[in-house]
Amino acid sequence: AVGKGFPMNDFTQALSDLIAKIPVEKVIQVGIIIVIALLVQLIGGRAISKSVQAVSSRAPKHRPGQLRGADDEQLATRLMEDRQRQRAHSLGSLGKNALTIFVWIAAVITILSTWGVNIAPIIASGAVLSAVIGFGAQTYIADYLAGISMIFEDQLGIGDTVELGGTVLGEVEETAL
């Protein structure tokens, strides 16, 4: 039996008051923003994947054993097909990552503005933080941008022979960021 003034009544009353104070319209808006962000990411990711798949399907994959006995022209053609496929996958990965970052930053900024948060100082702080991180990670960022440039310009590809520092000699088997 529940006695008079049992603490559970106080708890349920406090919970009821809290629920009554939640702005339902803003919660619904936030839910809609999240759903839209998920849909944009899903549709954009699939579009990028379809593009990569379309490029990759045009370049048939060959195993190294199938290249025996091939003349120089056939060998060059097959290596260029592998190079094209690898480049498409690398650019697709880059595109998906950029899409994800852009969509979720936009979603967070929109959600914050929905709740009445002044986003101008946050954006200014983000710019300053980006500059600080940029100076701190300058070599890493330079290497990443150089990798993107190498993929766009098709400087290295599968089958190329590379020499690193005069001590290491090897053949490129895969390209990725």
N, C-alpha and C. Protein backbone atom coordinates (compact mmCIF):
# COMPACT_ATOMS: atom_id res chain seq x y z
N ALA A 1 0.84 -1.17 0.00
CA ALA A 1 0.00 0.00 0.00
C ALA A 1 0.88 1.23 0.00
N VAL A 2 0.47 2.20 -0.75
CA VAL A 2 1.21 3.44 -0.86
C VAL A 2 0.68 4.40 0.20
N GLY A 3 1.58 4.91 1.01
CA GLY A 3 1.16 5.82 2.07
C GLY A 3 1.01 7.22 1.56
N LYS A 4 0.46 8.06 2.42
CA LYS A 4 0.23 9.45 2.06
C LYS A 4 1.57 10.17 1.93
N GLY A 5 1.76 10.97 0.87
CA GLY A 5 2.97 11.74 0.67
C GLY A 5 4.15 10.90 0.20
N PHE A 6 3.88 9.76 -0.42
CA PHE A 6 4.95 8.91 -0.94
C PHE A 6 5.77 9.68 -1.97
N PRO A 7 7.11 9.64 -1.93
CA PRO A 7 7.96 10.43 -2.83
C PRO A 7 7.70 10.18 -4.31
N MET A 8 7.12 9.05 -4.68
CA MET A 8 6.87 8.76 -6.09
C MET A 8 5.90 9.78 -6.68
N ASN A 9 4.97 10.26 -5.90
CA ASN A 9 4.03 11.27 -6.39
C ASN A 9 4.77 12.56 -6.72
N ASP A 10 5.75 12.91 -5.89
CA ASP A 10 6.55 14.11 -6.15
C ASP A 10 7.36 13.93 -7.43
N PHE A 11 7.92 12.73 -7.62
CA PHE A 11 8.71 12.44 -8.81
C PHE A 11 7.85 12.53 -10.07
N THR A 12 6.70 11.92 -10.05
CA THR A 12 5.83 11.95 -11.23
C THR A 12 5.35 13.36 -11.51
N GLN A 13 5.12 14.13 -10.49
CA GLN A 13 4.70 15.52 -10.70
C GLN A 13 5.84 16.33 -11.31
N ALA A 14 7.06 16.13 -10.82
CA ALA A 14 8.22 16.85 -11.37
C ALA A 14 8.46 16.45 -12.82
N LEU A 15 8.32 15.15 -13.11
CA LEU A 15 8.48 14.66 -14.48
C LEU A 15 7.41 15.24 -15.39
N SER A 16 6.21 15.29 -14.91
CA SER A 16 5.10 15.86 -15.67
C SER A 16 5.34 17.33 -15.96
N ASP A 17 5.83 18.08 -14.95
CA ASP A 17 6.13 19.50 -15.15
C ASP A 17 7.24 19.70 -16.18
N LEU A 18 8.25 18.84 -16.10
CA LEU A 18 9.38 18.93 -17.04
C LEU A 18 8.92 18.67 -18.47
N ILE A 19 8.10 17.66 -18.65
CA ILE A 19 7.60 17.32 -19.99
C ILE A 19 6.74 18.45 -20.54
N ALA A 20 5.96 19.10 -19.66
CA ALA A 20 5.09 20.19 -20.09
C ALA A 20 5.91 21.40 -20.56
N LYS A 21 7.14 21.55 -20.04
CA LYS A 21 7.96 22.70 -20.39
C LYS A 21 8.76 22.50 -21.68
N ILE A 22 8.85 21.28 -22.20
CA ILE A 22 9.62 21.01 -23.42
C ILE A 22 8.91 21.63 -24.61
N PRO A 23 9.62 22.47 -25.36
CA PRO A 23 9.01 23.07 -26.56
C PRO A 23 8.91 22.04 -27.69
N VAL A 24 7.76 21.49 -27.87
CA VAL A 24 7.52 20.40 -28.82
C VAL A 24 7.85 20.83 -30.25
N GLU A 25 7.54 22.08 -30.59
CA GLU A 25 7.81 22.55 -31.95
C GLU A 25 9.30 22.50 -32.28
N LYS A 26 10.13 22.92 -31.32
CA LYS A 26 11.57 22.92 -31.56
C LYS A 26 12.11 21.50 -31.65
N VAL A 27 11.60 20.60 -30.85
CA VAL A 27 12.03 19.20 -30.90
C VAL A 27 11.67 18.61 -32.25
N ILE A 28 10.49 18.93 -32.75
CA ILE A 28 10.07 18.44 -34.06
C ILE A 28 10.97 19.02 -35.15
N GLN A 29 11.30 20.33 -35.05
CA GLN A 29 12.19 20.95 -36.04
C GLN A 29 13.57 20.28 -36.03
N VAL A 30 14.10 20.02 -34.85
CA VAL A 30 15.40 19.36 -34.76
C VAL A 30 15.32 17.96 -35.38
N GLY A 31 14.25 17.24 -35.11
CA GLY A 31 14.06 15.92 -35.71
C GLY A 31 14.03 15.98 -37.23
N ILE A 32 13.33 16.98 -37.75
CA ILE A 32 13.24 17.15 -39.20
C ILE A 32 14.62 17.47 -39.78
N ILE A 33 15.38 18.34 -39.11
CA ILE A 33 16.73 18.69 -39.58
C ILE A 33 17.61 17.45 -39.62
N ILE A 34 17.55 16.62 -38.59
CA ILE A 34 18.37 15.40 -38.54
C ILE A 34 17.96 14.43 -39.65
N VAL A 35 16.66 14.28 -39.86
CA VAL A 35 16.18 13.38 -40.92
C VAL A 35 16.64 13.88 -42.29
N ILE A 36 16.54 15.20 -42.52
CA ILE A 36 16.98 15.76 -43.80
C ILE A 36 18.48 15.55 -43.99
N ALA A 37 19.27 15.77 -42.91
CA ALA A 37 20.72 15.56 -43.00
C ALA A 37 21.04 14.11 -43.33
N LEU A 38 20.35 13.19 -42.69
CA LEU A 38 20.57 11.76 -42.97
C LEU A 38 20.21 11.42 -44.42
N LEU A 39 19.10 11.97 -44.90
CA LEU A 39 18.69 11.71 -46.28
C LEU A 39 19.68 12.29 -47.28
N VAL A 40 20.15 13.52 -47.03
CA VAL A 40 21.12 14.14 -47.94
C VAL A 40 22.40 13.32 -47.96
N GLN A 41 22.84 12.88 -46.77
CA GLN A 41 24.06 12.07 -46.72
C GLN A 41 23.87 10.74 -47.42
N LEU A 42 22.72 10.10 -47.22
CA LEU A 42 22.45 8.81 -47.85
C LEU A 42 22.35 8.95 -49.37
N ILE A 43 21.57 9.91 -49.84
CA ILE A 43 21.38 10.09 -51.28
C ILE A 43 22.69 10.53 -51.94
N GLY A 44 23.40 11.48 -51.31
CA GLY A 44 24.68 11.94 -51.85
C GLY A 44 25.71 10.83 -51.88
N GLY A 45 25.76 10.04 -50.80
CA GLY A 45 26.70 8.92 -50.73
C GLY A 45 26.42 7.88 -51.80
N ARG A 46 25.14 7.60 -52.01
CA ARG A 46 24.78 6.64 -53.06
C ARG A 46 25.10 7.17 -54.45
N ALA A 47 24.89 8.47 -54.65
CA ALA A 47 25.22 9.06 -55.96
C ALA A 47 26.72 8.97 -56.22
N ILE A 48 27.51 9.24 -55.19
CA ILE A 48 28.97 9.13 -55.34
C ILE A 48 29.36 7.69 -55.60
N SER A 49 28.76 6.76 -54.84
CA SER A 49 29.07 5.33 -55.04
C SER A 49 28.70 4.87 -56.44
N LYS A 50 27.54 5.32 -56.94
CA LYS A 50 27.12 4.95 -58.30
C LYS A 50 28.10 5.50 -59.34
N SER A 51 28.57 6.73 -59.12
CA SER A 51 29.54 7.31 -60.06
C SER A 51 30.83 6.52 -60.06
N VAL A 52 31.31 6.16 -58.86
CA VAL A 52 32.54 5.37 -58.76
C VAL A 52 32.33 4.01 -59.41
N GLN A 53 31.18 3.41 -59.16
CA GLN A 53 30.89 2.10 -59.74
C GLN A 53 30.81 2.17 -61.27
N ALA A 54 30.24 3.27 -61.79
CA ALA A 54 30.15 3.42 -63.24
C ALA A 54 31.54 3.52 -63.87
N VAL A 55 32.41 4.27 -63.22
CA VAL A 55 33.78 4.40 -63.74
C VAL A 55 34.52 3.08 -63.60
N SER A 56 34.35 2.42 -62.45
CA SER A 56 35.05 1.15 -62.21
C SER A 56 34.57 0.04 -63.12
N SER A 57 33.29 0.02 -63.45
CA SER A 57 32.77 -1.06 -64.29
C SER A 57 33.28 -0.95 -65.72
N ARG A 58 33.65 0.26 -66.13
CA ARG A 58 34.20 0.43 -67.47
C ARG A 58 35.62 -0.10 -67.57
N ALA A 59 36.28 -0.24 -66.42
CA ALA A 59 37.66 -0.71 -66.41
C ALA A 59 37.70 -2.12 -65.83
N PRO A 60 37.73 -3.15 -66.67
CA PRO A 60 37.73 -4.52 -66.17
C PRO A 60 38.98 -4.82 -65.36
N LYS A 61 38.83 -5.65 -64.33
CA LYS A 61 39.95 -5.98 -63.46
C LYS A 61 40.65 -7.23 -63.98
N HIS A 62 41.96 -7.18 -63.99
CA HIS A 62 42.76 -8.30 -64.45
C HIS A 62 43.72 -8.72 -63.35
N ARG A 63 43.93 -10.01 -63.22
CA ARG A 63 44.92 -10.52 -62.26
C ARG A 63 46.29 -10.47 -62.92
N PRO A 64 47.36 -10.36 -62.09
CA PRO A 64 48.71 -10.28 -62.66
C PRO A 64 49.05 -11.45 -63.58
N GLY A 65 48.56 -12.66 -63.29
CA GLY A 65 48.85 -13.82 -64.13
C GLY A 65 48.29 -13.69 -65.53
N GLN A 66 47.23 -12.90 -65.68
CA GLN A 66 46.63 -12.72 -67.00
C GLN A 66 47.47 -11.79 -67.89
N LEU A 67 48.45 -11.11 -67.29
CA LEU A 67 49.26 -10.17 -68.06
C LEU A 67 50.45 -10.83 -68.72
N ARG A 68 50.71 -12.10 -68.41
CA ARG A 68 51.84 -12.80 -69.04
C ARG A 68 51.58 -12.97 -70.53
N GLY A 69 52.58 -12.72 -71.28
CA GLY A 69 52.47 -12.90 -72.72
C GLY A 69 51.80 -11.73 -73.42
N ALA A 70 51.37 -10.72 -72.68
CA ALA A 70 50.72 -9.57 -73.31
C ALA A 70 51.79 -8.65 -73.90
N ASP A 71 51.46 -8.05 -75.03
CA ASP A 71 52.42 -7.11 -75.60
C ASP A 71 52.36 -5.78 -74.82
N ASP A 72 53.24 -4.87 -75.14
CA ASP A 72 53.36 -3.62 -74.39
C ASP A 72 52.07 -2.80 -74.43
N GLU A 73 51.38 -2.80 -75.56
CA GLU A 73 50.16 -2.02 -75.68
C GLU A 73 49.05 -2.59 -74.80
N GLN A 74 48.90 -3.91 -74.79
CA GLN A 74 47.89 -4.54 -73.93
C GLN A 74 48.22 -4.32 -72.46
N LEU A 75 49.48 -4.44 -72.12
CA LEU A 75 49.91 -4.23 -70.74
C LEU A 75 49.63 -2.79 -70.31
N ALA A 76 49.94 -1.83 -71.16
CA ALA A 76 49.70 -0.42 -70.84
C ALA A 76 48.20 -0.15 -70.69
N THR A 77 47.39 -0.74 -71.56
CA THR A 77 45.94 -0.56 -71.48
C THR A 77 45.39 -1.11 -70.17
N ARG A 78 45.82 -2.30 -69.79
CA ARG A 78 45.33 -2.90 -68.56
C ARG A 78 45.79 -2.12 -67.33
N LEU A 79 47.02 -1.64 -67.34
CA LEU A 79 47.51 -0.84 -66.22
C LEU A 79 46.74 0.48 -66.11
N MET A 80 46.41 1.09 -67.23
CA MET A 80 45.64 2.33 -67.20
C MET A 80 44.22 2.09 -66.70
N GLU A 81 43.64 0.93 -67.02
CA GLU A 81 42.31 0.58 -66.51
C GLU A 81 42.36 0.44 -64.99
N ASP A 82 43.38 -0.24 -64.48
CA ASP A 82 43.53 -0.38 -63.03
C ASP A 82 43.75 0.98 -62.38
N ARG A 83 44.52 1.79 -63.03
CA ARG A 83 44.80 3.13 -62.51
C ARG A 83 43.53 3.97 -62.46
N GLN A 84 42.70 3.88 -63.48
CA GLN A 84 41.45 4.62 -63.53
C GLN A 84 40.51 4.16 -62.42
N ARG A 85 40.43 2.86 -62.20
CA ARG A 85 39.56 2.31 -61.16
C ARG A 85 40.02 2.79 -59.77
N GLN A 86 41.32 2.71 -59.53
CA GLN A 86 41.86 3.11 -58.24
C GLN A 86 41.65 4.59 -57.99
N ARG A 87 41.83 5.38 -59.01
CA ARG A 87 41.63 6.83 -58.90
C ARG A 87 40.17 7.16 -58.60
N ALA A 88 39.25 6.46 -59.24
CA ALA A 88 37.83 6.68 -59.00
C ALA A 88 37.47 6.36 -57.55
N HIS A 89 38.00 5.26 -57.03
CA HIS A 89 37.71 4.89 -55.64
C HIS A 89 38.27 5.93 -54.67
N SER A 90 39.46 6.42 -54.93
CA SER A 90 40.07 7.43 -54.06
C SER A 90 39.27 8.73 -54.07
N LEU A 91 38.89 9.16 -55.25
CA LEU A 91 38.10 10.40 -55.36
C LEU A 91 36.71 10.22 -54.76
N GLY A 92 36.13 9.03 -54.91
CA GLY A 92 34.83 8.75 -54.30
C GLY A 92 34.90 8.80 -52.78
N SER A 93 35.95 8.25 -52.22
CA SER A 93 36.15 8.29 -50.77
C SER A 93 36.30 9.73 -50.30
N LEU A 94 37.07 10.52 -51.02
CA LEU A 94 37.24 11.93 -50.69
C LEU A 94 35.90 12.67 -50.76
N GLY A 95 35.13 12.41 -51.80
CA GLY A 95 33.83 13.06 -51.96
C GLY A 95 32.86 12.70 -50.84
N LYS A 96 32.82 11.43 -50.45
CA LYS A 96 31.94 11.01 -49.36
C LYS A 96 32.32 11.67 -48.04
N ASN A 97 33.63 11.74 -47.76
CA ASN A 97 34.07 12.38 -46.52
C ASN A 97 33.72 13.86 -46.51
N ALA A 98 33.94 14.55 -47.62
CA ALA A 98 33.62 15.97 -47.72
C ALA A 98 32.12 16.19 -47.56
N LEU A 99 31.32 15.34 -48.18
CA LEU A 99 29.87 15.45 -48.06
C LEU A 99 29.42 15.27 -46.62
N THR A 100 29.94 14.27 -45.94
CA THR A 100 29.57 14.00 -44.56
C THR A 100 29.91 15.19 -43.66
N ILE A 101 31.11 15.71 -43.80
CA ILE A 101 31.52 16.85 -42.98
C ILE A 101 30.63 18.06 -43.25
N PHE A 102 30.40 18.37 -44.50
CA PHE A 102 29.58 19.53 -44.86
C PHE A 102 28.15 19.40 -44.35
N VAL A 103 27.55 18.24 -44.56
CA VAL A 103 26.14 18.04 -44.17
C VAL A 103 25.98 18.18 -42.66
N TRP A 104 26.86 17.56 -41.88
CA TRP A 104 26.67 17.57 -40.43
C TRP A 104 27.07 18.90 -39.80
N ILE A 105 28.02 19.61 -40.36
CA ILE A 105 28.29 20.96 -39.86
C ILE A 105 27.09 21.86 -40.12
N ALA A 106 26.51 21.77 -41.31
CA ALA A 106 25.32 22.55 -41.63
C ALA A 106 24.15 22.17 -40.72
N ALA A 107 23.99 20.88 -40.43
CA ALA A 107 22.90 20.43 -39.56
C ALA A 107 23.07 20.96 -38.14
N VAL A 108 24.30 20.87 -37.61
CA VAL A 108 24.54 21.36 -36.24
C VAL A 108 24.30 22.86 -36.15
N ILE A 109 24.78 23.61 -37.13
CA ILE A 109 24.56 25.06 -37.13
C ILE A 109 23.07 25.38 -37.21
N THR A 110 22.34 24.67 -38.04
CA THR A 110 20.90 24.88 -38.17
C THR A 110 20.17 24.53 -36.87
N ILE A 111 20.56 23.44 -36.24
CA ILE A 111 19.93 23.03 -34.97
C ILE A 111 20.19 24.08 -33.89
N LEU A 112 21.43 24.55 -33.81
CA LEU A 112 21.74 25.57 -32.81
C LEU A 112 20.95 26.85 -33.03
N SER A 113 20.82 27.26 -34.28
CA SER A 113 20.04 28.47 -34.54
C SER A 113 18.55 28.25 -34.27
N THR A 114 18.07 27.02 -34.45
CA THR A 114 16.67 26.69 -34.13
C THR A 114 16.40 26.88 -32.64
N TRP A 115 17.37 26.53 -31.81
CA TRP A 115 17.21 26.66 -30.36
C TRP A 115 17.52 28.08 -29.87
N GLY A 116 17.79 28.99 -30.79
CA GLY A 116 18.00 30.39 -30.41
C GLY A 116 19.43 30.72 -30.03
N VAL A 117 20.36 29.84 -30.32
CA VAL A 117 21.77 30.11 -30.01
C VAL A 117 22.32 31.03 -31.09
N ASN A 118 23.04 32.08 -30.66
CA ASN A 118 23.68 32.99 -31.60
C ASN A 118 24.88 32.27 -32.20
N ILE A 119 24.81 31.95 -33.48
CA ILE A 119 25.86 31.13 -34.09
C ILE A 119 27.02 31.94 -34.63
N ALA A 120 26.90 33.27 -34.69
CA ALA A 120 27.99 34.10 -35.21
C ALA A 120 29.27 33.92 -34.39
N PRO A 121 29.21 33.96 -33.05
CA PRO A 121 30.45 33.74 -32.29
C PRO A 121 31.00 32.33 -32.46
N ILE A 122 30.13 31.37 -32.64
CA ILE A 122 30.58 29.99 -32.84
C ILE A 122 31.32 29.85 -34.16
N ILE A 123 30.78 30.48 -35.19
CA ILE A 123 31.44 30.44 -36.50
C ILE A 123 32.78 31.17 -36.44
N ALA A 124 32.82 32.31 -35.76
CA ALA A 124 34.07 33.05 -35.63
C ALA A 124 35.10 32.22 -34.84
N SER A 125 34.65 31.58 -33.77
CA SER A 125 35.55 30.73 -32.98
C SER A 125 36.03 29.55 -33.82
N GLY A 126 35.15 28.99 -34.63
CA GLY A 126 35.53 27.89 -35.51
C GLY A 126 36.59 28.31 -36.51
N ALA A 127 36.48 29.54 -37.01
CA ALA A 127 37.48 30.04 -37.96
C ALA A 127 38.83 30.19 -37.28
N VAL A 128 38.83 30.74 -36.05
CA VAL A 128 40.09 30.90 -35.32
C VAL A 128 40.67 29.53 -34.98
N LEU A 129 39.82 28.60 -34.53
CA LEU A 129 40.28 27.25 -34.21
C LEU A 129 40.84 26.55 -35.45
N SER A 130 40.21 26.75 -36.58
CA SER A 130 40.70 26.16 -37.83
C SER A 130 42.08 26.71 -38.18
N ALA A 131 42.27 28.00 -37.98
CA ALA A 131 43.58 28.60 -38.27
C ALA A 131 44.65 28.03 -37.34
N VAL A 132 44.31 27.87 -36.05
CA VAL A 132 45.27 27.32 -35.08
C VAL A 132 45.61 25.88 -35.45
N ILE A 133 44.60 25.08 -35.74
CA ILE A 133 44.83 23.68 -36.12
C ILE A 133 45.62 23.63 -37.43
N GLY A 134 45.30 24.53 -38.36
CA GLY A 134 46.01 24.58 -39.63
C GLY A 134 47.49 24.83 -39.45
N PHE A 135 47.85 25.77 -38.55
CA PHE A 135 49.26 26.03 -38.28
C PHE A 135 49.91 24.86 -37.56
N GLY A 136 49.19 24.25 -36.65
CA GLY A 136 49.75 23.13 -35.88
C GLY A 136 49.94 21.88 -36.73
N ALA A 137 49.03 21.65 -37.65
CA ALA A 137 49.08 20.43 -38.46
C ALA A 137 49.47 20.75 -39.90
N GLN A 138 50.31 21.74 -40.05
CA GLN A 138 50.65 22.24 -41.38
C GLN A 138 51.24 21.16 -42.28
N THR A 139 52.15 20.36 -41.76
CA THR A 139 52.78 19.32 -42.60
C THR A 139 51.76 18.25 -42.98
N TYR A 140 50.92 17.87 -42.01
CA TYR A 140 49.90 16.85 -42.30
C TYR A 140 48.94 17.35 -43.37
N ILE A 141 48.50 18.58 -43.24
CA ILE A 141 47.57 19.14 -44.21
C ILE A 141 48.23 19.26 -45.58
N ALA A 142 49.51 19.68 -45.60
CA ALA A 142 50.24 19.78 -46.86
C ALA A 142 50.36 18.42 -47.54
N ASP A 143 50.65 17.38 -46.74
CA ASP A 143 50.75 16.03 -47.31
C ASP A 143 49.40 15.56 -47.85
N TYR A 144 48.33 15.86 -47.12
CA TYR A 144 46.98 15.46 -47.56
C TYR A 144 46.62 16.17 -48.87
N LEU A 145 46.89 17.46 -48.94
CA LEU A 145 46.60 18.21 -50.17
C LEU A 145 47.48 17.74 -51.32
N ALA A 146 48.72 17.38 -51.02
CA ALA A 146 49.59 16.83 -52.06
C ALA A 146 49.05 15.51 -52.57
N GLY A 147 48.51 14.69 -51.66
CA GLY A 147 47.90 13.42 -52.07
C GLY A 147 46.69 13.63 -52.96
N ILE A 148 45.86 14.61 -52.60
CA ILE A 148 44.71 14.94 -53.45
C ILE A 148 45.18 15.40 -54.82
N SER A 149 46.20 16.24 -54.84
CA SER A 149 46.74 16.74 -56.10
C SER A 149 47.30 15.59 -56.94
N MET A 150 47.99 14.65 -56.30
CA MET A 150 48.55 13.52 -57.03
C MET A 150 47.45 12.67 -57.67
N ILE A 151 46.33 12.53 -56.96
CA ILE A 151 45.24 11.73 -57.51
C ILE A 151 44.57 12.48 -58.66
N PHE A 152 44.29 13.79 -58.47
CA PHE A 152 43.66 14.56 -59.54
C PHE A 152 44.52 14.64 -60.79
N GLU A 153 45.82 14.82 -60.60
CA GLU A 153 46.73 14.96 -61.73
C GLU A 153 47.23 13.62 -62.26
N ASP A 154 46.87 12.54 -61.57
CA ASP A 154 47.26 11.19 -61.99
C ASP A 154 48.77 11.06 -62.13
N GLN A 155 49.50 11.53 -61.09
CA GLN A 155 50.96 11.51 -61.12
C GLN A 155 51.52 10.11 -60.89
N LEU A 156 50.92 9.36 -59.99
CA LEU A 156 51.34 7.99 -59.71
C LEU A 156 50.16 7.07 -59.90
N GLY A 157 50.43 5.89 -60.36
CA GLY A 157 49.36 4.93 -60.53
C GLY A 157 49.87 3.51 -60.40
N ILE A 158 48.95 2.59 -60.44
CA ILE A 158 49.27 1.17 -60.31
C ILE A 158 50.25 0.77 -61.41
N GLY A 159 51.30 0.08 -60.99
CA GLY A 159 52.29 -0.40 -61.95
C GLY A 159 53.48 0.51 -62.11
N ASP A 160 53.41 1.75 -61.61
CA ASP A 160 54.55 2.66 -61.71
C ASP A 160 55.66 2.19 -60.78
N THR A 161 56.88 2.38 -61.22
CA THR A 161 58.04 2.07 -60.39
C THR A 161 58.48 3.36 -59.71
N VAL A 162 58.69 3.30 -58.39
CA VAL A 162 59.08 4.48 -57.63
C VAL A 162 60.36 4.20 -56.86
N GLU A 163 61.13 5.26 -56.68
CA GLU A 163 62.36 5.18 -55.89
C GLU A 163 62.27 6.25 -54.81
N LEU A 164 62.41 5.85 -53.58
CA LEU A 164 62.29 6.77 -52.46
C LEU A 164 63.64 6.98 -51.80
N GLY A 165 64.17 8.17 -51.91
CA GLY A 165 65.41 8.53 -51.26
C GLY A 165 66.63 7.77 -51.75
N GLY A 166 66.55 7.13 -52.87
CA GLY A 166 67.68 6.40 -53.40
C GLY A 166 67.94 5.07 -52.72
N THR A 167 67.15 4.73 -51.70
CA THR A 167 67.38 3.48 -50.97
C THR A 167 66.27 2.46 -51.16
N VAL A 168 65.09 2.91 -51.45
CA VAL A 168 63.95 2.00 -51.58
C VAL A 168 63.41 2.08 -53.00
N LEU A 169 63.25 0.93 -53.63
CA LEU A 169 62.71 0.84 -54.97
C LEU A 169 61.50 -0.08 -54.91
N GLY A 170 60.41 0.35 -55.51
CA GLY A 170 59.22 -0.49 -55.46
C GLY A 170 58.25 -0.16 -56.58
N GLU A 171 57.15 -0.91 -56.58
CA GLU A 171 56.13 -0.73 -57.60
C GLU A 171 54.82 -0.37 -56.90
N VAL A 172 54.09 0.59 -57.46
CA VAL A 172 52.83 1.03 -56.87
C VAL A 172 51.79 -0.05 -57.08
N GLU A 173 51.19 -0.52 -55.99
CA GLU A 173 50.15 -1.54 -56.06
C GLU A 173 48.77 -0.96 -55.85
N GLU A 174 48.70 0.18 -55.14
CA GLU A 174 47.41 0.77 -54.81
C GLU A 174 47.62 2.25 -54.54
N THR A 175 46.62 3.07 -54.90
CA THR A 175 46.67 4.49 -54.56
C THR A 175 45.45 4.85 -53.75
N ALA A 176 45.66 5.60 -52.71
CA ALA A 176 44.57 6.07 -51.85
C ALA A 176 45.07 7.28 -51.07
N LEU A 177 44.16 8.00 -50.48
CA LEU A 177 44.57 9.15 -49.68
C LEU A 177 45.20 8.67 -48.39
